[in-house]
C-alpha cells in the first residue's frame, strides 16, 4: 500500500472586514502572561459605522456608532484609541447604552424598632428625607455600611454593548471613520489599552482584607 502523502494544514480564513454597513476593526487585547502562549494573541472585534438613528439628533451627523465595545470601555480609553491610533480625531463625549450593574444595591436587615422609635416614625408620617434609609422590602433597608467592596474601579459594559461617539465637529467624525477604514484595509495592529485595573489571574487580591467578607479570611 503506497504511503499517503502528508496533508497540508488548512489555513484559517481571514475574518471579514465589513458586514452590512459596519466596518470591523480588530483590537489586540493586552497580553496576559498567565495564559498559554496560543491564547496570548487575542483579538476583540468592534463594529463601527456613521451614526444614523431613525430619528436624527443635532449631534448624529458628527457621531459614530460602535457595537460590541470591550467590557472595560471608558471614555478615556476610547478617546485614546482614536487620538493615538486612528488619525487623531477629537472626541467631545461618549454615550454608553448600559453598564453592569446599572445601580448597585446595598441591603441589610432592618433592626427591630423599639416602641419609642415606632412613635417617632409615626409622627414623621410617610414623608422621608433623601438621606434616610430607604425600605426596599419588609425587614430590609439599603445603606452604604452593608455594601460589599467594589470589584472594579469603574463601570463594566454588558457583553455586546454599544456606544455613540460624538466628535467635536463633522470633519472630525468623517476623519475618524476614514482612520478606521484605513487601519482595516492596511491590517494595522491596533492595540486596546485598558485602565489601571489588573486583569485575569492578576486580580486575585481585589477584595480588601479588612472587609468581613474578605476571601483572605476564609
N, C-alpha and C. Protein backbone atom coordinates (compact mmCIF):
# COMPACT_ATOMS: atom_id res chain seq x y z
N UNK A 1 0.86 -1.20 0.00
CA UNK A 1 0.00 0.00 0.00
C UNK A 1 0.90 1.24 0.00
N UNK A 2 0.72 2.10 -0.97
CA UNK A 2 1.60 3.28 -1.06
C UNK A 2 1.35 4.23 0.11
N UNK A 3 2.40 4.85 0.58
CA UNK A 3 2.20 5.79 1.72
C UNK A 3 1.36 6.98 1.30
N UNK A 4 0.52 7.37 2.20
CA UNK A 4 -0.34 8.53 1.92
C UNK A 4 0.46 9.81 2.03
N UNK A 5 0.30 10.68 1.08
CA UNK A 5 1.06 11.96 1.14
C UNK A 5 0.60 12.80 2.32
N UNK A 6 1.52 13.51 2.92
CA UNK A 6 1.13 14.34 4.07
C UNK A 6 0.15 15.42 3.65
N UNK A 7 -0.85 15.58 4.47
CA UNK A 7 -1.86 16.60 4.18
C UNK A 7 -1.38 17.97 4.64
N UNK A 8 -1.67 18.95 3.82
CA UNK A 8 -1.29 20.30 4.17
C UNK A 8 -2.27 20.87 5.20
N UNK A 9 -1.73 21.54 6.19
CA UNK A 9 -2.64 22.12 7.20
C UNK A 9 -3.55 23.16 6.56
N UNK A 10 -4.80 23.12 6.96
CA UNK A 10 -5.77 24.07 6.42
C UNK A 10 -5.51 25.47 6.98
N UNK A 11 -5.54 26.41 6.09
CA UNK A 11 -5.36 27.80 6.52
C UNK A 11 -6.70 28.36 6.97
N UNK A 12 -6.67 28.99 8.10
CA UNK A 12 -7.90 29.61 8.60
C UNK A 12 -8.24 30.83 7.75
N UNK A 13 -9.51 30.98 7.48
CA UNK A 13 -9.94 32.12 6.68
C UNK A 13 -9.79 33.42 7.46
N UNK A 14 -9.38 34.43 6.75
CA UNK A 14 -9.26 35.74 7.38
C UNK A 14 -10.64 36.27 7.73
N UNK A 15 -10.79 36.89 8.87
CA UNK A 15 -12.10 37.43 9.24
C UNK A 15 -12.54 38.51 8.26
N UNK A 16 -13.83 38.67 8.06
CA UNK A 16 -14.31 39.71 7.14
C UNK A 16 -13.97 41.10 7.66
N UNK A 17 -13.85 42.04 6.71
CA UNK A 17 -13.52 43.41 7.09
C UNK A 17 -14.75 44.31 7.18
N UNK A 18 -15.85 43.85 6.62
CA UNK A 18 -17.10 44.60 6.70
C UNK A 18 -18.25 43.63 6.86
N UNK A 19 -19.33 44.10 7.42
CA UNK A 19 -20.57 43.36 7.48
C UNK A 19 -21.71 44.38 7.49
N UNK A 20 -22.63 44.23 6.52
CA UNK A 20 -23.70 45.20 6.36
C UNK A 20 -23.09 46.60 6.23
N UNK A 21 -23.49 47.53 7.08
CA UNK A 21 -22.98 48.90 7.00
C UNK A 21 -21.77 49.12 7.90
N UNK A 22 -21.34 48.09 8.61
CA UNK A 22 -20.28 48.23 9.61
C UNK A 22 -18.91 47.90 9.04
N UNK A 23 -17.90 48.62 9.51
CA UNK A 23 -16.50 48.27 9.31
C UNK A 23 -16.02 47.55 10.55
N UNK A 24 -15.40 46.38 10.38
CA UNK A 24 -14.98 45.56 11.52
C UNK A 24 -13.53 45.87 11.85
N UNK A 25 -13.30 46.39 13.04
CA UNK A 25 -11.96 46.77 13.47
C UNK A 25 -11.47 45.80 14.54
N UNK A 26 -10.40 45.02 14.26
CA UNK A 26 -9.83 44.13 15.28
C UNK A 26 -8.97 44.92 16.26
N UNK A 27 -9.14 44.64 17.53
CA UNK A 27 -8.33 45.24 18.58
C UNK A 27 -7.49 44.15 19.23
N UNK A 28 -6.19 44.39 19.32
CA UNK A 28 -5.30 43.46 20.01
C UNK A 28 -5.41 43.71 21.50
N UNK A 29 -5.88 42.71 22.23
CA UNK A 29 -6.04 42.86 23.67
C UNK A 29 -4.70 42.73 24.38
N UNK A 30 -4.56 43.30 25.59
CA UNK A 30 -3.30 43.20 26.32
C UNK A 30 -2.91 41.75 26.57
N UNK A 31 -1.63 41.46 26.47
CA UNK A 31 -1.14 40.11 26.69
C UNK A 31 -1.28 39.73 28.16
N UNK A 32 -1.79 38.52 28.39
CA UNK A 32 -1.92 38.00 29.75
C UNK A 32 -0.85 36.94 29.97
N UNK A 33 0.18 37.23 30.75
CA UNK A 33 1.30 36.29 30.90
C UNK A 33 0.91 34.97 31.53
N UNK A 34 -0.25 34.92 32.23
CA UNK A 34 -0.65 33.68 32.90
C UNK A 34 -1.32 32.69 31.95
N UNK A 35 -1.66 33.12 30.73
CA UNK A 35 -2.32 32.25 29.78
C UNK A 35 -1.30 31.50 28.93
N UNK A 36 -1.66 30.33 28.38
CA UNK A 36 -0.77 29.63 27.45
C UNK A 36 -0.47 30.50 26.24
N UNK A 37 0.65 30.23 25.60
CA UNK A 37 1.12 31.09 24.51
C UNK A 37 0.12 31.18 23.36
N UNK A 38 -0.63 30.08 23.09
CA UNK A 38 -1.56 30.12 21.96
C UNK A 38 -2.76 31.04 22.21
N UNK A 39 -2.95 31.47 23.44
CA UNK A 39 -4.08 32.35 23.75
C UNK A 39 -3.65 33.79 24.02
N UNK A 40 -2.39 34.10 23.83
CA UNK A 40 -1.92 35.44 24.17
C UNK A 40 -2.20 36.46 23.08
N UNK A 41 -2.25 36.01 21.84
CA UNK A 41 -2.53 36.93 20.74
C UNK A 41 -4.05 36.97 20.51
N UNK A 42 -4.75 37.62 21.41
CA UNK A 42 -6.21 37.63 21.39
C UNK A 42 -6.73 38.91 20.76
N UNK A 43 -7.76 38.77 19.95
CA UNK A 43 -8.36 39.91 19.27
C UNK A 43 -9.81 40.10 19.76
N UNK A 44 -10.20 41.35 19.81
CA UNK A 44 -11.59 41.70 20.08
C UNK A 44 -12.06 42.55 18.91
N UNK A 45 -13.24 42.23 18.36
CA UNK A 45 -13.71 42.89 17.15
C UNK A 45 -14.85 43.86 17.49
N UNK A 46 -14.66 45.11 17.08
CA UNK A 46 -15.72 46.10 17.25
C UNK A 46 -16.26 46.49 15.87
N UNK A 47 -17.51 46.89 15.83
CA UNK A 47 -18.21 47.19 14.59
C UNK A 47 -18.56 48.68 14.58
N UNK A 48 -18.09 49.39 13.57
CA UNK A 48 -18.19 50.85 13.55
C UNK A 48 -18.88 51.31 12.26
N UNK A 49 -19.74 52.29 12.39
CA UNK A 49 -20.36 52.93 11.24
C UNK A 49 -20.77 54.35 11.62
N UNK A 50 -21.00 55.22 10.63
CA UNK A 50 -21.54 56.54 10.95
C UNK A 50 -22.91 56.39 11.64
N UNK A 51 -23.13 57.21 12.63
CA UNK A 51 -24.37 57.13 13.39
C UNK A 51 -25.53 57.67 12.54
N UNK A 52 -26.54 56.81 12.35
CA UNK A 52 -27.69 57.21 11.54
C UNK A 52 -28.97 56.71 12.21
N UNK A 53 -29.38 57.35 13.32
CA UNK A 53 -30.59 56.90 14.02
C UNK A 53 -31.84 57.18 13.19
N UNK A 54 -32.91 56.44 13.48
CA UNK A 54 -34.16 56.64 12.75
C UNK A 54 -34.71 58.05 12.95
N UNK A 55 -34.46 58.60 14.13
CA UNK A 55 -34.82 59.99 14.39
C UNK A 55 -33.54 60.79 14.59
N UNK A 56 -33.11 61.55 13.60
CA UNK A 56 -31.84 62.29 13.71
C UNK A 56 -31.83 63.25 14.90
N UNK A 57 -30.66 63.40 15.49
CA UNK A 57 -30.46 64.33 16.58
C UNK A 57 -29.49 65.42 16.13
N UNK A 58 -29.36 66.51 16.89
CA UNK A 58 -28.41 67.57 16.49
C UNK A 58 -26.97 67.10 16.38
N UNK A 59 -26.61 65.99 17.05
CA UNK A 59 -25.22 65.52 17.04
C UNK A 59 -25.00 64.29 16.17
N UNK A 60 -26.05 63.72 15.58
CA UNK A 60 -25.89 62.46 14.84
C UNK A 60 -24.97 62.61 13.63
N UNK A 61 -24.94 63.77 13.00
CA UNK A 61 -24.10 63.98 11.82
C UNK A 61 -22.62 64.00 12.16
N UNK A 62 -22.28 64.21 13.41
CA UNK A 62 -20.87 64.21 13.82
C UNK A 62 -20.59 63.08 14.82
N UNK A 63 -21.28 61.96 14.64
CA UNK A 63 -21.15 60.84 15.57
C UNK A 63 -20.88 59.54 14.83
N UNK A 64 -20.24 58.61 15.53
CA UNK A 64 -20.06 57.25 15.06
C UNK A 64 -20.75 56.30 16.03
N UNK A 65 -21.29 55.21 15.48
CA UNK A 65 -21.93 54.18 16.30
C UNK A 65 -21.00 52.98 16.37
N UNK A 66 -20.72 52.50 17.59
CA UNK A 66 -19.83 51.36 17.79
C UNK A 66 -20.60 50.27 18.52
N UNK A 67 -20.56 49.07 17.97
CA UNK A 67 -21.18 47.91 18.61
C UNK A 67 -20.10 46.94 19.08
N UNK A 68 -20.46 46.15 20.10
CA UNK A 68 -19.55 45.15 20.68
C UNK A 68 -18.31 45.79 21.30
N UNK A 69 -18.51 46.87 22.04
CA UNK A 69 -17.38 47.51 22.71
C UNK A 69 -16.83 46.60 23.80
N UNK A 70 -15.54 46.69 24.13
CA UNK A 70 -14.98 45.88 25.21
C UNK A 70 -15.69 46.16 26.54
N UNK A 71 -15.71 45.18 27.41
CA UNK A 71 -16.46 45.33 28.66
C UNK A 71 -15.86 46.40 29.58
N UNK A 72 -14.56 46.71 29.40
CA UNK A 72 -13.92 47.71 30.24
C UNK A 72 -13.81 49.05 29.53
N UNK A 73 -14.62 49.27 28.51
CA UNK A 73 -14.54 50.51 27.75
C UNK A 73 -14.94 51.71 28.60
N UNK A 74 -14.16 52.76 28.49
CA UNK A 74 -14.45 54.02 29.16
C UNK A 74 -14.27 55.14 28.13
N UNK A 75 -14.70 56.32 28.50
CA UNK A 75 -14.49 57.45 27.61
C UNK A 75 -12.99 57.70 27.42
N UNK A 76 -12.21 57.45 28.45
CA UNK A 76 -10.76 57.70 28.38
C UNK A 76 -10.08 56.80 27.37
N UNK A 77 -10.31 55.47 27.44
CA UNK A 77 -9.58 54.61 26.51
C UNK A 77 -10.16 54.65 25.10
N UNK A 78 -11.44 54.99 24.93
CA UNK A 78 -11.97 55.19 23.58
C UNK A 78 -11.40 56.48 22.97
N UNK A 79 -11.27 57.50 23.79
CA UNK A 79 -10.67 58.75 23.30
C UNK A 79 -9.22 58.50 22.88
N UNK A 80 -8.48 57.76 23.69
CA UNK A 80 -7.08 57.45 23.36
C UNK A 80 -6.98 56.61 22.09
N UNK A 81 -7.93 55.71 21.88
CA UNK A 81 -7.92 54.86 20.70
C UNK A 81 -7.95 55.71 19.42
N UNK A 82 -8.83 56.69 19.37
CA UNK A 82 -8.96 57.50 18.15
C UNK A 82 -7.87 58.56 18.04
N UNK A 83 -7.48 59.12 19.16
CA UNK A 83 -6.45 60.17 19.12
C UNK A 83 -5.08 59.60 18.78
N UNK A 84 -4.74 58.45 19.37
CA UNK A 84 -3.38 57.93 19.25
C UNK A 84 -3.20 56.95 18.09
N UNK A 85 -4.26 56.25 17.68
CA UNK A 85 -4.06 55.17 16.71
C UNK A 85 -4.94 55.26 15.46
N UNK A 86 -5.95 56.13 15.47
CA UNK A 86 -6.89 56.15 14.35
C UNK A 86 -7.03 57.54 13.73
N UNK A 87 -5.94 58.27 13.66
CA UNK A 87 -5.95 59.52 12.92
C UNK A 87 -6.00 60.79 13.73
N UNK A 88 -6.24 60.70 15.04
CA UNK A 88 -6.18 61.88 15.88
C UNK A 88 -7.46 62.68 16.00
N UNK A 89 -8.61 62.13 15.60
CA UNK A 89 -9.88 62.86 15.71
C UNK A 89 -10.22 63.09 17.18
N UNK A 90 -10.77 64.26 17.48
CA UNK A 90 -11.05 64.66 18.85
C UNK A 90 -12.50 64.35 19.22
N UNK A 91 -12.66 63.63 20.32
CA UNK A 91 -13.98 63.29 20.82
C UNK A 91 -14.51 64.37 21.75
N UNK A 92 -15.80 64.62 21.65
CA UNK A 92 -16.46 65.51 22.60
C UNK A 92 -16.97 64.74 23.80
N UNK A 93 -17.62 63.59 23.52
CA UNK A 93 -18.13 62.74 24.61
C UNK A 93 -18.47 61.37 24.06
N UNK A 94 -18.73 60.43 24.97
CA UNK A 94 -19.16 59.08 24.61
C UNK A 94 -20.44 58.77 25.37
N UNK A 95 -21.46 58.31 24.64
CA UNK A 95 -22.73 57.92 25.26
C UNK A 95 -22.83 56.40 25.23
N UNK A 96 -22.71 55.77 26.42
CA UNK A 96 -22.82 54.32 26.52
C UNK A 96 -24.28 53.92 26.71
N UNK A 97 -24.61 52.71 26.24
CA UNK A 97 -26.00 52.28 26.37
C UNK A 97 -26.31 51.66 27.72
N UNK A 98 -25.32 51.05 28.37
CA UNK A 98 -25.59 50.40 29.66
C UNK A 98 -24.28 50.06 30.33
N UNK A 99 -24.37 49.77 31.62
CA UNK A 99 -23.23 49.28 32.37
C UNK A 99 -23.71 48.21 33.34
N UNK A 100 -22.77 47.50 33.93
CA UNK A 100 -23.09 46.42 34.87
C UNK A 100 -22.39 46.70 36.19
N UNK A 101 -23.09 46.78 37.32
CA UNK A 101 -24.54 46.92 37.39
C UNK A 101 -24.93 48.36 37.12
N UNK A 102 -26.15 48.59 36.69
CA UNK A 102 -26.58 49.95 36.41
C UNK A 102 -26.62 50.79 37.68
N UNK A 103 -27.11 50.21 38.77
CA UNK A 103 -27.15 50.89 40.05
C UNK A 103 -26.97 49.87 41.15
N UNK A 104 -25.80 49.83 41.81
CA UNK A 104 -25.59 48.81 42.84
C UNK A 104 -26.56 48.98 44.00
N UNK A 105 -27.03 47.87 44.52
CA UNK A 105 -27.94 47.87 45.65
C UNK A 105 -27.20 47.47 46.91
N UNK A 106 -27.38 48.24 47.96
CA UNK A 106 -26.78 47.94 49.25
C UNK A 106 -27.91 47.56 50.20
N UNK A 107 -27.89 46.34 50.69
CA UNK A 107 -29.00 45.87 51.51
C UNK A 107 -28.51 45.28 52.82
N UNK A 108 -29.31 45.38 53.85
CA UNK A 108 -29.07 44.69 55.11
C UNK A 108 -30.41 44.56 55.81
N UNK A 109 -30.46 43.70 56.83
CA UNK A 109 -31.70 43.52 57.57
C UNK A 109 -31.97 44.74 58.45
N UNK A 110 -33.21 45.14 58.46
CA UNK A 110 -33.60 46.28 59.27
C UNK A 110 -33.69 45.87 60.74
N UNK A 111 -33.11 46.70 61.64
CA UNK A 111 -33.15 46.41 63.06
C UNK A 111 -34.56 46.65 63.59
N UNK A 112 -34.98 45.76 64.45
CA UNK A 112 -36.33 45.87 65.01
C UNK A 112 -36.46 47.17 65.80
N UNK A 113 -37.52 47.90 65.55
CA UNK A 113 -37.72 49.19 66.21
C UNK A 113 -38.29 49.01 67.62
N UNK A 114 -37.89 49.91 68.49
CA UNK A 114 -38.49 49.97 69.82
C UNK A 114 -39.81 50.74 69.72
N UNK A 115 -40.57 50.75 70.83
CA UNK A 115 -41.86 51.44 70.84
C UNK A 115 -41.67 52.95 70.62
N UNK A 116 -40.61 53.53 71.22
CA UNK A 116 -40.36 54.96 71.05
C UNK A 116 -40.01 55.28 69.60
N UNK A 117 -39.19 54.39 68.98
CA UNK A 117 -38.83 54.62 67.58
C UNK A 117 -40.04 54.52 66.67
N UNK A 118 -40.96 53.62 67.01
CA UNK A 118 -42.18 53.49 66.22
C UNK A 118 -43.04 54.74 66.33
N UNK A 119 -43.08 55.31 67.55
CA UNK A 119 -43.86 56.54 67.75
C UNK A 119 -43.27 57.68 66.93
N UNK A 120 -41.93 57.80 66.95
CA UNK A 120 -41.29 58.86 66.17
C UNK A 120 -41.54 58.66 64.67
N UNK A 121 -41.50 57.39 64.23
CA UNK A 121 -41.73 57.12 62.82
C UNK A 121 -43.15 57.48 62.42
N UNK A 122 -44.10 57.21 63.34
CA UNK A 122 -45.50 57.56 63.05
C UNK A 122 -45.69 59.06 62.97
N UNK A 123 -44.95 59.78 63.83
CA UNK A 123 -45.06 61.24 63.82
C UNK A 123 -44.51 61.83 62.52
N UNK A 124 -43.47 61.24 61.99
CA UNK A 124 -42.92 61.73 60.74
C UNK A 124 -43.87 61.49 59.57
N UNK A 125 -44.71 60.46 59.71
CA UNK A 125 -45.64 60.15 58.63
C UNK A 125 -44.93 59.49 57.47
N UNK A 126 -45.49 59.64 56.31
CA UNK A 126 -44.96 58.97 55.13
C UNK A 126 -43.81 59.73 54.49
N UNK A 127 -43.63 61.00 54.87
CA UNK A 127 -42.57 61.79 54.26
C UNK A 127 -41.21 61.33 54.79
N UNK A 128 -40.27 61.24 53.91
CA UNK A 128 -38.92 60.84 54.30
C UNK A 128 -37.91 61.74 53.62
N UNK A 129 -36.83 61.99 54.33
CA UNK A 129 -35.74 62.76 53.74
C UNK A 129 -34.92 61.85 52.84
N UNK A 130 -34.25 62.47 51.88
CA UNK A 130 -33.49 61.69 50.92
C UNK A 130 -32.31 60.97 51.56
N UNK A 131 -31.78 61.54 52.63
CA UNK A 131 -30.60 60.94 53.24
C UNK A 131 -30.95 59.84 54.23
N UNK A 132 -32.22 59.52 54.42
CA UNK A 132 -32.60 58.45 55.32
C UNK A 132 -32.58 57.12 54.59
N UNK A 133 -32.55 56.03 55.36
CA UNK A 133 -32.53 54.71 54.78
C UNK A 133 -33.85 54.42 54.09
N UNK A 134 -33.78 53.79 52.93
CA UNK A 134 -34.97 53.51 52.15
C UNK A 134 -35.33 52.03 52.27
N UNK A 135 -36.59 51.76 52.65
CA UNK A 135 -37.05 50.39 52.79
C UNK A 135 -37.26 49.79 51.41
N UNK A 136 -36.55 48.68 51.09
CA UNK A 136 -36.67 48.05 49.78
C UNK A 136 -37.50 46.79 49.83
N UNK A 137 -37.68 46.22 50.99
CA UNK A 137 -38.53 45.05 51.20
C UNK A 137 -38.79 44.97 52.69
N UNK A 138 -39.74 44.17 53.09
CA UNK A 138 -40.07 44.09 54.51
C UNK A 138 -38.87 43.57 55.29
N UNK A 139 -38.39 44.38 56.20
CA UNK A 139 -37.25 43.98 57.01
C UNK A 139 -35.90 44.24 56.38
N UNK A 140 -35.85 44.86 55.20
CA UNK A 140 -34.58 45.10 54.51
C UNK A 140 -34.47 46.57 54.16
N UNK A 141 -33.31 47.16 54.41
CA UNK A 141 -33.07 48.54 54.06
C UNK A 141 -31.78 48.63 53.24
N UNK A 142 -31.62 49.74 52.54
CA UNK A 142 -30.39 49.99 51.79
C UNK A 142 -29.55 51.02 52.52
N UNK A 143 -28.26 50.76 52.60
CA UNK A 143 -27.34 51.75 53.14
C UNK A 143 -25.93 51.41 52.67
N UNK A 144 -24.98 52.30 52.95
CA UNK A 144 -23.60 52.11 52.49
C UNK A 144 -22.80 51.24 53.43
N UNK A 145 -23.25 51.12 54.69
CA UNK A 145 -22.49 50.35 55.67
C UNK A 145 -22.45 48.86 55.31
N UNK A 146 -23.50 48.38 54.66
CA UNK A 146 -23.57 46.96 54.35
C UNK A 146 -23.05 46.63 52.96
N UNK A 147 -22.49 47.63 52.26
CA UNK A 147 -22.08 47.41 50.87
C UNK A 147 -20.86 46.50 50.79
N UNK A 148 -20.88 45.57 49.85
CA UNK A 148 -19.71 44.76 49.56
C UNK A 148 -18.68 45.60 48.82
N UNK A 149 -17.41 45.26 48.90
CA UNK A 149 -16.39 46.07 48.23
C UNK A 149 -16.56 46.02 46.72
N UNK A 150 -16.23 47.12 46.05
CA UNK A 150 -16.30 47.17 44.60
C UNK A 150 -15.23 46.27 44.00
N UNK A 151 -15.57 45.52 42.95
CA UNK A 151 -14.61 44.61 42.33
C UNK A 151 -13.98 45.22 41.08
N UNK A 152 -14.40 46.42 40.72
CA UNK A 152 -13.83 47.09 39.54
C UNK A 152 -13.87 48.59 39.77
N UNK A 153 -12.79 49.30 39.47
CA UNK A 153 -12.74 50.75 39.74
C UNK A 153 -13.47 51.59 38.71
N UNK A 154 -14.66 51.18 38.34
CA UNK A 154 -15.43 51.90 37.34
C UNK A 154 -16.64 51.10 36.92
N UNK A 155 -17.16 51.37 35.74
CA UNK A 155 -18.33 50.66 35.23
C UNK A 155 -17.91 49.60 34.23
N UNK A 156 -18.56 48.45 34.29
CA UNK A 156 -18.34 47.40 33.30
C UNK A 156 -19.49 47.41 32.31
N UNK A 157 -19.17 47.17 31.05
CA UNK A 157 -20.19 47.17 29.99
C UNK A 157 -20.70 45.75 29.77
N UNK A 158 -21.96 45.65 29.44
CA UNK A 158 -22.53 44.35 29.12
C UNK A 158 -21.92 43.82 27.83
N UNK A 159 -21.82 42.50 27.71
CA UNK A 159 -21.28 41.89 26.51
C UNK A 159 -22.13 42.28 25.30
N UNK A 160 -21.47 42.75 24.25
CA UNK A 160 -22.18 43.18 23.06
C UNK A 160 -22.75 44.58 23.14
N UNK A 161 -22.37 45.35 24.15
CA UNK A 161 -22.92 46.70 24.30
C UNK A 161 -22.46 47.62 23.18
N UNK A 162 -23.18 48.73 23.07
CA UNK A 162 -22.88 49.72 22.03
C UNK A 162 -22.62 51.07 22.67
N UNK A 163 -22.09 51.97 21.85
CA UNK A 163 -21.84 53.33 22.31
C UNK A 163 -21.90 54.27 21.11
N UNK A 164 -22.24 55.51 21.38
CA UNK A 164 -22.23 56.55 20.36
C UNK A 164 -21.11 57.52 20.69
N UNK A 165 -20.19 57.69 19.75
CA UNK A 165 -19.06 58.59 19.93
C UNK A 165 -19.38 59.92 19.24
N UNK A 166 -19.47 60.97 20.03
CA UNK A 166 -19.78 62.29 19.50
C UNK A 166 -18.49 63.07 19.38
N UNK A 167 -18.15 63.48 18.15
CA UNK A 167 -16.91 64.21 17.91
C UNK A 167 -17.17 65.72 17.92
N UNK A 168 -16.11 66.48 17.92
CA UNK A 168 -16.25 67.93 18.09
C UNK A 168 -16.92 68.59 16.90
N UNK A 169 -16.79 67.98 15.70
CA UNK A 169 -17.47 68.52 14.51
C UNK A 169 -17.59 67.41 13.47
N UNK A 170 -18.27 67.73 12.35
CA UNK A 170 -18.49 66.74 11.30
C UNK A 170 -17.18 66.28 10.67
N UNK A 171 -16.27 67.23 10.49
CA UNK A 171 -14.98 66.89 9.88
C UNK A 171 -14.23 65.87 10.72
N UNK A 172 -14.26 66.03 12.03
CA UNK A 172 -13.58 65.08 12.91
C UNK A 172 -14.23 63.69 12.83
N UNK A 173 -15.56 63.66 12.77
CA UNK A 173 -16.25 62.37 12.66
C UNK A 173 -15.91 61.66 11.36
N UNK A 174 -15.88 62.40 10.26
CA UNK A 174 -15.51 61.81 8.97
C UNK A 174 -14.06 61.34 8.99
N UNK A 175 -13.18 62.15 9.59
CA UNK A 175 -11.78 61.76 9.69
C UNK A 175 -11.59 60.51 10.53
N UNK A 176 -12.38 60.39 11.60
CA UNK A 176 -12.29 59.22 12.46
C UNK A 176 -12.72 57.96 11.70
N UNK A 177 -13.80 58.07 10.91
CA UNK A 177 -14.27 56.92 10.14
C UNK A 177 -13.26 56.55 9.07
N UNK A 178 -12.64 57.54 8.43
CA UNK A 178 -11.60 57.26 7.44
C UNK A 178 -10.40 56.57 8.09
N UNK A 179 -10.07 56.98 9.32
CA UNK A 179 -8.97 56.34 10.03
C UNK A 179 -9.26 54.88 10.33
N UNK A 180 -10.50 54.57 10.67
CA UNK A 180 -10.89 53.19 10.93
C UNK A 180 -10.78 52.37 9.65
N UNK A 181 -11.34 52.88 8.55
CA UNK A 181 -11.32 52.16 7.27
C UNK A 181 -9.88 51.95 6.81
N UNK A 182 -9.04 52.96 6.97
CA UNK A 182 -7.63 52.84 6.56
C UNK A 182 -6.92 51.76 7.38
N UNK A 183 -7.15 51.75 8.68
CA UNK A 183 -6.50 50.76 9.54
C UNK A 183 -6.92 49.35 9.18
N UNK A 184 -8.19 49.16 8.83
CA UNK A 184 -8.67 47.84 8.45
C UNK A 184 -8.09 47.39 7.12
N UNK A 185 -8.06 48.29 6.13
CA UNK A 185 -7.52 47.94 4.82
C UNK A 185 -6.04 47.61 4.89
N UNK A 186 -5.30 48.33 5.73
CA UNK A 186 -3.85 48.11 5.83
C UNK A 186 -3.49 47.04 6.85
N UNK A 187 -4.50 46.42 7.47
CA UNK A 187 -4.25 45.40 8.51
C UNK A 187 -3.34 45.95 9.60
N UNK A 188 -3.57 47.18 9.97
CA UNK A 188 -2.75 47.80 11.02
C UNK A 188 -3.03 47.14 12.36
N UNK A 189 -2.01 47.07 13.18
CA UNK A 189 -2.15 46.48 14.50
C UNK A 189 -2.63 47.57 15.47
N UNK A 190 -3.89 47.48 15.85
CA UNK A 190 -4.49 48.45 16.75
C UNK A 190 -4.62 47.81 18.13
N UNK A 191 -4.03 48.44 19.14
CA UNK A 191 -3.98 47.86 20.48
C UNK A 191 -5.01 48.53 21.38
N UNK A 192 -5.75 47.68 22.10
CA UNK A 192 -6.71 48.18 23.08
C UNK A 192 -5.99 48.42 24.40
N UNK A 193 -6.14 49.61 24.93
CA UNK A 193 -5.49 49.97 26.19
C UNK A 193 -6.52 49.96 27.30
N UNK A 194 -6.31 49.11 28.27
CA UNK A 194 -7.21 49.04 29.41
C UNK A 194 -6.82 50.11 30.42
N UNK A 195 -7.60 50.17 31.50
CA UNK A 195 -7.30 51.12 32.56
C UNK A 195 -6.20 50.60 33.47
N UNK A 196 -6.17 51.14 34.68
CA UNK A 196 -5.14 50.74 35.64
C UNK A 196 -5.45 49.43 36.33
N UNK A 197 -6.70 48.93 36.20
CA UNK A 197 -7.08 47.71 36.90
C UNK A 197 -6.42 46.49 36.28
N UNK A 198 -5.99 45.57 37.13
CA UNK A 198 -5.39 44.33 36.64
C UNK A 198 -6.47 43.42 36.08
N UNK A 199 -6.05 42.52 35.18
CA UNK A 199 -6.98 41.59 34.55
C UNK A 199 -6.60 40.16 34.86
N UNK A 200 -7.56 39.25 34.66
CA UNK A 200 -7.29 37.82 34.79
C UNK A 200 -6.83 37.41 36.18
N UNK A 201 -5.83 36.52 36.21
CA UNK A 201 -5.33 36.00 37.48
C UNK A 201 -4.73 37.10 38.33
N UNK A 202 -4.26 38.17 37.69
CA UNK A 202 -3.65 39.27 38.44
C UNK A 202 -4.65 39.97 39.37
N UNK A 203 -5.97 39.70 39.18
CA UNK A 203 -6.98 40.32 40.03
C UNK A 203 -7.35 39.43 41.21
N UNK A 204 -6.39 38.67 41.74
CA UNK A 204 -6.69 37.75 42.82
C UNK A 204 -6.83 38.45 44.17
N UNK A 205 -6.40 39.70 44.27
CA UNK A 205 -6.47 40.42 45.54
C UNK A 205 -7.37 41.64 45.42
N UNK A 206 -8.56 41.44 44.86
CA UNK A 206 -9.44 42.57 44.60
C UNK A 206 -10.28 42.95 45.80
N UNK A 207 -10.41 42.05 46.81
CA UNK A 207 -11.26 42.34 47.96
C UNK A 207 -10.39 42.76 49.13
N UNK A 208 -10.64 43.91 49.74
CA UNK A 208 -9.82 44.37 50.86
C UNK A 208 -9.83 43.37 52.00
N UNK A 209 -8.69 43.18 52.64
CA UNK A 209 -8.60 42.19 53.72
C UNK A 209 -9.35 42.62 54.96
N UNK A 210 -9.66 43.94 55.10
CA UNK A 210 -10.35 44.38 56.30
C UNK A 210 -11.84 44.15 56.23
N UNK A 211 -12.37 43.77 55.05
CA UNK A 211 -13.82 43.60 54.93
C UNK A 211 -14.24 42.28 55.54
N UNK A 212 -15.42 42.21 56.21
CA UNK A 212 -15.84 40.97 56.87
C UNK A 212 -16.05 39.82 55.90
N UNK A 213 -16.24 40.07 54.60
CA UNK A 213 -16.43 39.01 53.63
C UNK A 213 -15.16 38.75 52.84
N UNK A 214 -14.02 39.22 53.34
CA UNK A 214 -12.77 39.09 52.60
C UNK A 214 -12.43 37.63 52.37
N UNK A 215 -11.95 37.31 51.15
CA UNK A 215 -11.54 35.96 50.83
C UNK A 215 -10.30 35.56 51.65
N UNK A 216 -9.52 36.56 52.03
CA UNK A 216 -8.29 36.26 52.77
C UNK A 216 -8.59 35.67 54.13
N UNK A 217 -9.81 35.88 54.66
CA UNK A 217 -10.15 35.37 55.98
C UNK A 217 -10.82 34.01 55.92
N UNK A 218 -11.12 33.52 54.70
CA UNK A 218 -11.81 32.23 54.55
C UNK A 218 -10.79 31.10 54.51
